[in-house]
Amino acid sequence: MARFYFSGRRSHEVGTWRRRLMWWSEAALLKSLIGLLRVLPLKTAFAFGAVLGEGFGRLSPRVEKVRRNLRVVFPEAGGEELDRVTRASFANVGVAMAELANLDRLWRDRDERIEFNVLPGAHVPRRDRPSVFVTAHFGPWQLTPLIGRYYDVPLPVIYAPEQNPYVDRTLNRLRAAFANPLVSRDGGMRMFMRSLSRGESIGMTVDTRLDSGEVVSFFGQPAMTNTAPARLALRFDCDLVPILAERLPGGRFRVNIHPPIVPSQPEASRDDKALDMSRQINALFESKIARQPDQWLCLRRRWPETVEQQHA
């Protein structure tokens, strides 16, 4: 029995060290890639990122998930068109990585690189006007949290932690350019409620599937959707504001602040208002994705398998 216990413990320790070695190797590779992307001229870094992303897509097991998502978005598209958009979608992943790697450089050159655009009907973010800002994994979405720093507004930003803790720390060091708190998805809602109760704004990315969410139409199909932004905006009586970014020629960017989302029927119940506002958010995302599907980062299954089977 003693030998069995020792053997099991040793096996566990070996497994732990193997996992750590794999994590260290992944983090070392990522740091090397980031270092290269940071020393290249920005336009070259973005182009190189696109090549790396497309190459990753050829090897990634997630390529079929991307294709299934795109089949729902474009049910009439042929195989060649789906292949083209799928490749471009993975190239977008690589460009997004290059943008994250150079986030601090983009911020330093913000006067030449980044335009913060307040659309008609929208308002400039202010400290005395808390908002729930929402965005999608679309285009250069990682630039959207910079509105907090640009307008000097406290803006905690939620993020999904990486399973590899060394990779997670590496990416969070890059996100330090936001100059605002990073909130892990695990337990993030409590932090957001405290922030809103103090009169601060918050930021969330809400285009991915949330199994604990509610069914809201997305591209005409039922999709489990995060309705928390709408519910928080209603509970704390603050604005629900979409923020979407776009790439411009010459390695420049535009961050668009959209008008607040308001209930279509002010007299409806809070639950109905939350669903209505969430539908409006999804509709805005749809309009952007339909025009530029290759700019959407959709590496996870978005719709139920029954919906995917209908479009297979």
Protein backbone atom coordinates (compact mmCIF):
# COMPACT_ATOMS: atom_id res chain seq x y z
CA MET A 1 0.00 0.00 0.00
CA ALA A 2 2.83 2.36 0.83
CA ARG A 3 4.46 1.75 -2.55
CA PHE A 4 1.13 2.29 -4.30
CA TYR A 5 0.60 5.61 -2.52
CA PHE A 6 4.14 6.77 -3.30
CA SER A 7 3.82 5.71 -6.92
CA GLY A 8 0.58 7.65 -7.32
CA ARG A 9 2.07 10.72 -5.70
CA ARG A 10 5.14 10.54 -7.91
CA SER A 11 2.97 10.12 -10.99
CA HIS A 12 0.98 13.19 -9.96
CA GLU A 13 4.17 15.22 -9.47
CA VAL A 14 5.51 14.15 -12.87
CA GLY A 15 2.20 15.12 -14.47
CA THR A 16 2.29 18.50 -12.74
CA TRP A 17 5.84 19.20 -13.95
CA ARG A 18 4.94 18.16 -17.47
CA ARG A 19 2.03 20.54 -17.44
CA ARG A 20 4.20 23.35 -16.10
CA LEU A 21 6.85 22.64 -18.71
CA MET A 22 4.21 22.81 -21.42
CA TRP A 23 2.90 26.10 -19.96
CA TRP A 24 6.41 27.57 -19.80
CA SER A 25 7.07 26.51 -23.40
CA GLU A 26 3.84 28.07 -24.61
CA ALA A 27 4.54 31.29 -22.72
CA ALA A 28 8.13 31.43 -24.01
CA LEU A 29 6.91 31.02 -27.59
CA LEU A 30 4.27 33.69 -27.08
CA LYS A 31 6.79 36.11 -25.55
CA SER A 32 9.13 35.58 -28.48
CA LEU A 33 6.32 36.26 -30.92
CA ILE A 34 5.26 39.37 -29.01
CA GLY A 35 8.85 40.60 -28.93
CA LEU A 36 9.10 40.22 -32.69
CA LEU A 37 5.79 41.98 -33.30
CA ARG A 38 6.91 44.87 -31.09
CA VAL A 39 10.19 45.52 -32.87
CA LEU A 40 8.69 45.50 -36.36
CA PRO A 41 7.20 48.66 -37.88
CA LEU A 42 3.49 48.68 -37.08
CA LYS A 43 2.24 48.09 -40.62
CA THR A 44 4.72 45.23 -41.03
CA ALA A 45 3.67 43.77 -37.67
CA PHE A 46 0.02 43.79 -38.69
CA ALA A 47 0.79 42.17 -42.05
CA PHE A 48 2.98 39.55 -40.37
CA GLY A 49 0.24 38.90 -37.83
CA ALA A 50 -2.24 38.25 -40.64
CA VAL A 51 0.11 35.69 -42.21
CA LEU A 52 0.62 33.97 -38.84
CA GLY A 53 -3.11 33.95 -38.16
CA GLU A 54 -3.94 32.39 -41.50
CA GLY A 55 -1.22 29.79 -40.97
CA PHE A 56 -2.62 29.03 -37.52
CA GLY A 57 -6.03 28.55 -39.09
CA ARG A 58 -4.73 25.83 -41.39
CA LEU A 59 -3.63 23.81 -38.36
CA SER A 60 -6.24 24.78 -35.78
CA PRO A 61 -8.89 22.25 -34.72
CA ARG A 62 -11.25 25.21 -34.35
CA VAL A 63 -11.47 25.83 -38.08
CA GLU A 64 -14.65 23.77 -38.36
CA LYS A 65 -16.29 25.76 -35.54
CA VAL A 66 -15.56 28.95 -37.45
CA ARG A 67 -17.04 27.48 -40.63
CA ARG A 68 -20.18 26.36 -38.78
CA ASN A 69 -20.68 29.84 -37.37
CA LEU A 70 -20.22 31.38 -40.80
CA ARG A 71 -22.71 28.95 -42.36
CA VAL A 72 -25.37 30.36 -40.06
CA VAL A 73 -24.37 33.93 -40.93
CA PHE A 74 -24.29 33.17 -44.68
CA PRO A 75 -26.59 30.21 -45.33
CA GLU A 76 -26.47 30.80 -49.11
CA ALA A 77 -22.66 30.95 -49.36
CA GLY A 78 -20.87 28.25 -51.29
CA GLY A 79 -17.92 26.21 -50.10
CA GLU A 80 -15.29 28.38 -51.77
CA GLU A 81 -16.72 31.55 -50.28
CA LEU A 82 -16.87 29.98 -46.81
CA ASP A 83 -13.26 28.86 -47.17
CA ARG A 84 -12.19 32.38 -48.15
CA VAL A 85 -13.98 34.06 -45.25
CA THR A 86 -12.72 31.40 -42.84
CA ARG A 87 -9.11 32.04 -43.87
CA ALA A 88 -9.65 35.79 -43.55
CA SER A 89 -11.21 35.30 -40.11
CA PHE A 90 -8.09 33.54 -38.87
CA ALA A 91 -5.93 36.25 -40.46
CA ASN A 92 -7.96 38.70 -38.36
CA VAL A 93 -6.97 36.72 -35.26
CA GLY A 94 -3.32 37.28 -36.11
CA VAL A 95 -3.82 40.99 -36.75
CA ALA A 96 -5.65 41.30 -33.41
CA MET A 97 -2.66 39.64 -31.70
CA ALA A 98 -0.30 42.14 -33.33
CA GLU A 99 -2.53 45.00 -32.19
CA LEU A 100 -2.55 43.73 -28.62
CA ALA A 101 1.24 43.30 -28.69
CA ASN A 102 1.57 46.96 -29.74
CA LEU A 103 -1.23 48.44 -27.68
CA ASP A 104 1.11 50.72 -25.74
CA ARG A 105 2.72 51.96 -28.99
CA LEU A 106 -0.70 52.68 -30.47
CA TRP A 107 -1.64 54.63 -27.37
CA ARG A 108 1.55 56.70 -27.49
CA ASP A 109 0.82 57.53 -31.14
CA ARG A 110 -2.91 57.94 -30.56
CA ASP A 111 -3.11 61.42 -32.09
CA GLU A 112 -1.96 59.99 -35.43
CA ARG A 113 -3.29 56.44 -35.04
CA ILE A 114 -6.61 56.41 -33.20
CA GLU A 115 -9.72 58.48 -33.82
CA PHE A 116 -12.31 58.44 -31.03
CA ASN A 117 -15.59 59.11 -32.80
CA VAL A 118 -18.81 60.06 -30.99
CA LEU A 119 -21.64 59.19 -33.37
CA PRO A 120 -24.78 61.35 -33.70
CA GLY A 121 -27.06 60.75 -30.73
CA ALA A 122 -24.20 59.45 -28.60
CA HIS A 123 -22.46 61.29 -25.78
CA VAL A 124 -18.88 61.73 -24.68
CA PRO A 125 -18.06 59.37 -21.78
CA ARG A 126 -17.98 61.26 -18.48
CA ARG A 127 -17.17 60.45 -14.90
CA ASP A 128 -20.52 61.80 -13.73
CA ARG A 129 -22.49 59.72 -16.25
CA PRO A 130 -21.85 56.01 -15.60
CA SER A 131 -22.47 53.64 -18.48
CA VAL A 132 -22.39 49.95 -19.30
CA PHE A 133 -20.22 49.79 -22.42
CA VAL A 134 -20.55 46.72 -24.63
CA THR A 135 -18.53 45.55 -27.61
CA ALA A 136 -18.02 42.49 -29.81
CA HIS A 137 -14.99 40.49 -30.93
CA PHE A 138 -15.07 42.44 -34.15
CA GLY A 139 -12.20 44.17 -35.93
CA PRO A 140 -9.69 45.80 -33.55
CA TRP A 141 -11.98 45.25 -30.54
CA GLN A 142 -9.06 45.35 -28.10
CA LEU A 143 -8.77 49.10 -28.68
CA THR A 144 -12.28 49.79 -27.38
CA PRO A 145 -11.33 49.82 -23.65
CA LEU A 146 -8.99 52.73 -24.40
CA ILE A 147 -12.01 55.05 -24.23
CA GLY A 148 -11.66 54.95 -20.45
CA ARG A 149 -8.10 56.22 -20.59
CA TYR A 150 -8.80 58.72 -23.37
CA TYR A 151 -11.77 60.32 -21.62
CA ASP A 152 -10.35 59.84 -18.10
CA VAL A 153 -13.23 57.61 -17.04
CA PRO A 154 -12.70 54.69 -14.59
CA LEU A 155 -13.62 51.63 -16.63
CA PRO A 156 -13.07 48.11 -15.22
CA VAL A 157 -12.86 45.67 -18.13
CA ILE A 158 -13.83 42.01 -17.90
CA TYR A 159 -11.67 39.39 -19.58
CA ALA A 160 -11.57 35.60 -19.90
CA PRO A 161 -8.49 34.25 -18.09
CA GLU A 162 -6.25 31.84 -20.00
CA GLN A 163 -5.87 28.30 -18.70
CA ASN A 164 -2.10 28.75 -18.87
CA PRO A 165 -1.30 31.16 -16.00
CA TYR A 166 2.00 32.28 -17.57
CA VAL A 167 0.27 33.17 -20.84
CA ASP A 168 -2.45 34.90 -18.84
CA ARG A 169 0.09 37.12 -17.06
CA THR A 170 1.86 37.90 -20.34
CA LEU A 171 -1.36 39.03 -22.03
CA ASN A 172 -2.45 41.05 -19.01
CA ARG A 173 0.83 42.95 -19.05
CA LEU A 174 -0.07 44.05 -22.57
CA ARG A 175 -3.57 45.01 -21.44
CA ALA A 176 -2.01 47.33 -18.86
CA ALA A 177 -2.19 49.94 -21.64
CA PHE A 178 -5.91 50.27 -20.76
CA ALA A 179 -4.80 51.95 -17.50
CA ASN A 180 -7.93 50.54 -15.85
CA PRO A 181 -8.65 47.47 -13.70
CA LEU A 182 -8.86 44.08 -15.40
CA VAL A 183 -11.63 41.91 -13.97
CA SER A 184 -11.53 38.14 -14.40
CA ARG A 185 -14.72 36.64 -15.79
CA ASP A 186 -14.84 34.44 -12.69
CA GLY A 187 -16.56 36.57 -10.10
CA GLY A 188 -16.51 39.61 -12.36
CA MET A 189 -20.20 40.35 -11.94
CA ARG A 190 -19.82 41.15 -8.25
CA MET A 191 -17.00 43.56 -9.08
CA PHE A 192 -19.11 45.22 -11.76
CA MET A 193 -22.04 45.68 -9.41
CA ARG A 194 -19.76 47.33 -6.86
CA SER A 195 -18.35 49.62 -9.57
CA LEU A 196 -21.80 50.66 -10.77
CA SER A 197 -22.98 51.25 -7.21
CA ARG A 198 -20.04 53.68 -6.84
CA GLY A 199 -21.13 55.53 -9.97
CA GLU A 200 -18.39 54.07 -12.21
CA SER A 201 -18.73 52.71 -15.73
CA ILE A 202 -17.96 49.12 -16.79
CA GLY A 203 -17.06 47.40 -20.07
CA MET A 204 -18.05 43.95 -21.40
CA THR A 205 -17.64 41.92 -24.60
CA VAL A 206 -20.94 40.14 -25.21
CA ASP A 207 -21.12 38.55 -28.67
CA THR A 208 -20.08 35.03 -27.62
CA ARG A 209 -22.32 32.21 -26.39
CA LEU A 210 -23.14 32.28 -22.68
CA ASP A 211 -24.72 29.04 -21.56
CA SER A 212 -26.12 30.71 -18.45
CA GLY A 213 -27.61 33.53 -20.54
CA GLU A 214 -31.00 33.85 -22.21
CA VAL A 215 -32.25 32.99 -25.68
CA VAL A 216 -32.09 36.04 -27.95
CA SER A 217 -32.28 36.05 -31.73
CA PHE A 218 -28.95 36.40 -33.54
CA PHE A 219 -28.97 36.26 -37.34
CA GLY A 220 -32.55 35.02 -37.11
CA GLN A 221 -31.65 32.03 -34.96
CA PRO A 222 -32.02 31.43 -31.21
CA ALA A 223 -28.72 32.03 -29.42
CA MET A 224 -27.81 31.93 -25.75
CA THR A 225 -26.93 35.57 -25.10
CA ASN A 226 -25.45 37.52 -22.21
CA THR A 227 -28.28 39.82 -21.07
CA ALA A 228 -26.38 41.00 -17.98
CA PRO A 229 -25.35 44.35 -19.57
CA ALA A 230 -28.98 45.31 -20.18
CA ARG A 231 -30.06 44.13 -16.74
CA LEU A 232 -27.26 46.04 -15.04
CA ALA A 233 -28.07 49.20 -16.99
CA LEU A 234 -31.72 48.94 -15.96
CA ARG A 235 -30.95 48.12 -12.32
CA PHE A 236 -28.48 50.97 -11.85
CA ASP A 237 -30.30 53.41 -14.15
CA CYS A 238 -27.34 54.04 -16.42
CA ASP A 239 -26.77 54.08 -20.17
CA LEU A 240 -26.13 50.95 -22.23
CA VAL A 241 -23.62 52.07 -24.86
CA PRO A 242 -22.16 49.97 -27.70
CA ILE A 243 -18.54 50.65 -28.65
CA LEU A 244 -17.19 49.22 -31.90
CA ALA A 245 -13.80 49.78 -33.51
CA GLU A 246 -12.73 49.62 -37.15
CA ARG A 247 -9.45 49.51 -39.03
CA LEU A 248 -8.58 52.33 -41.39
CA PRO A 249 -5.94 52.51 -44.14
CA GLY A 250 -2.37 53.25 -43.11
CA GLY A 251 -2.42 51.38 -39.80
CA ARG A 252 -4.99 53.74 -38.29
CA PHE A 253 -8.13 53.01 -36.29
CA ARG A 254 -11.48 54.51 -35.40
CA VAL A 255 -13.30 53.76 -32.13
CA ASN A 256 -17.00 54.52 -32.56
CA ILE A 257 -19.17 55.38 -29.58
CA HIS A 258 -22.77 54.56 -30.47
CA PRO A 259 -25.98 56.11 -29.09
CA PRO A 260 -27.32 54.44 -25.93
CA ILE A 261 -29.61 51.45 -26.32
CA VAL A 262 -33.04 52.20 -24.85
CA PRO A 263 -36.12 49.96 -24.42
CA SER A 264 -38.54 50.01 -27.33
CA GLN A 265 -41.43 49.93 -24.85
CA PRO A 266 -40.67 51.96 -21.70
CA GLU A 267 -43.77 50.62 -19.96
CA ALA A 268 -42.72 46.96 -20.34
CA SER A 269 -41.48 44.83 -17.47
CA ARG A 270 -37.80 44.90 -16.57
CA ASP A 271 -37.35 41.36 -17.94
CA ASP A 272 -38.93 42.30 -21.27
CA LYS A 273 -36.85 45.49 -21.44
CA ALA A 274 -33.65 43.52 -20.86
CA LEU A 275 -34.49 41.07 -23.65
CA ASP A 276 -35.47 43.89 -25.99
CA MET A 277 -32.25 45.83 -25.34
CA SER A 278 -30.20 42.65 -25.80
CA ARG A 279 -31.94 42.05 -29.14
CA GLN A 280 -30.96 45.55 -30.21
CA ILE A 281 -27.33 44.89 -29.30
CA ASN A 282 -27.35 41.64 -31.29
CA ALA A 283 -28.96 43.45 -34.23
CA LEU A 284 -26.18 46.05 -34.22
CA PHE A 285 -23.54 43.32 -34.14
CA GLU A 286 -25.34 41.52 -36.98
CA SER A 287 -25.23 44.60 -39.18
CA LYS A 288 -21.46 44.93 -38.73
CA ILE A 289 -20.69 41.22 -39.13
CA ALA A 290 -22.86 40.89 -42.24
CA ARG A 291 -20.86 43.63 -43.97
CA GLN A 292 -17.43 42.38 -42.85
CA PRO A 293 -17.69 38.75 -41.73
CA ASP A 294 -13.94 38.26 -41.85
CA GLN A 295 -13.59 40.81 -39.05
CA TRP A 296 -15.56 38.68 -36.58
CA LEU A 297 -13.60 36.51 -34.18
CA CYS A 298 -15.84 33.47 -33.78
CA LEU A 299 -13.60 30.62 -32.60
CA ARG A 300 -16.26 29.10 -30.34
CA ARG A 301 -19.66 27.64 -31.21
CA ARG A 302 -22.20 30.48 -31.16
CA TRP A 303 -25.49 28.69 -31.86
CA PRO A 304 -27.00 25.43 -30.57
CA GLU A 305 -25.98 22.30 -32.45
CA THR A 306 -29.54 21.92 -33.76
CA VAL A 307 -29.18 25.27 -35.55
CA GLU A 308 -25.79 24.28 -36.97
CA GLN A 309 -27.24 20.99 -38.25
CA GLN A 310 -29.95 22.90 -40.10
CA HIS A 311 -27.26 24.82 -41.98
CA ALA A 312 -24.87 21.90 -42.53
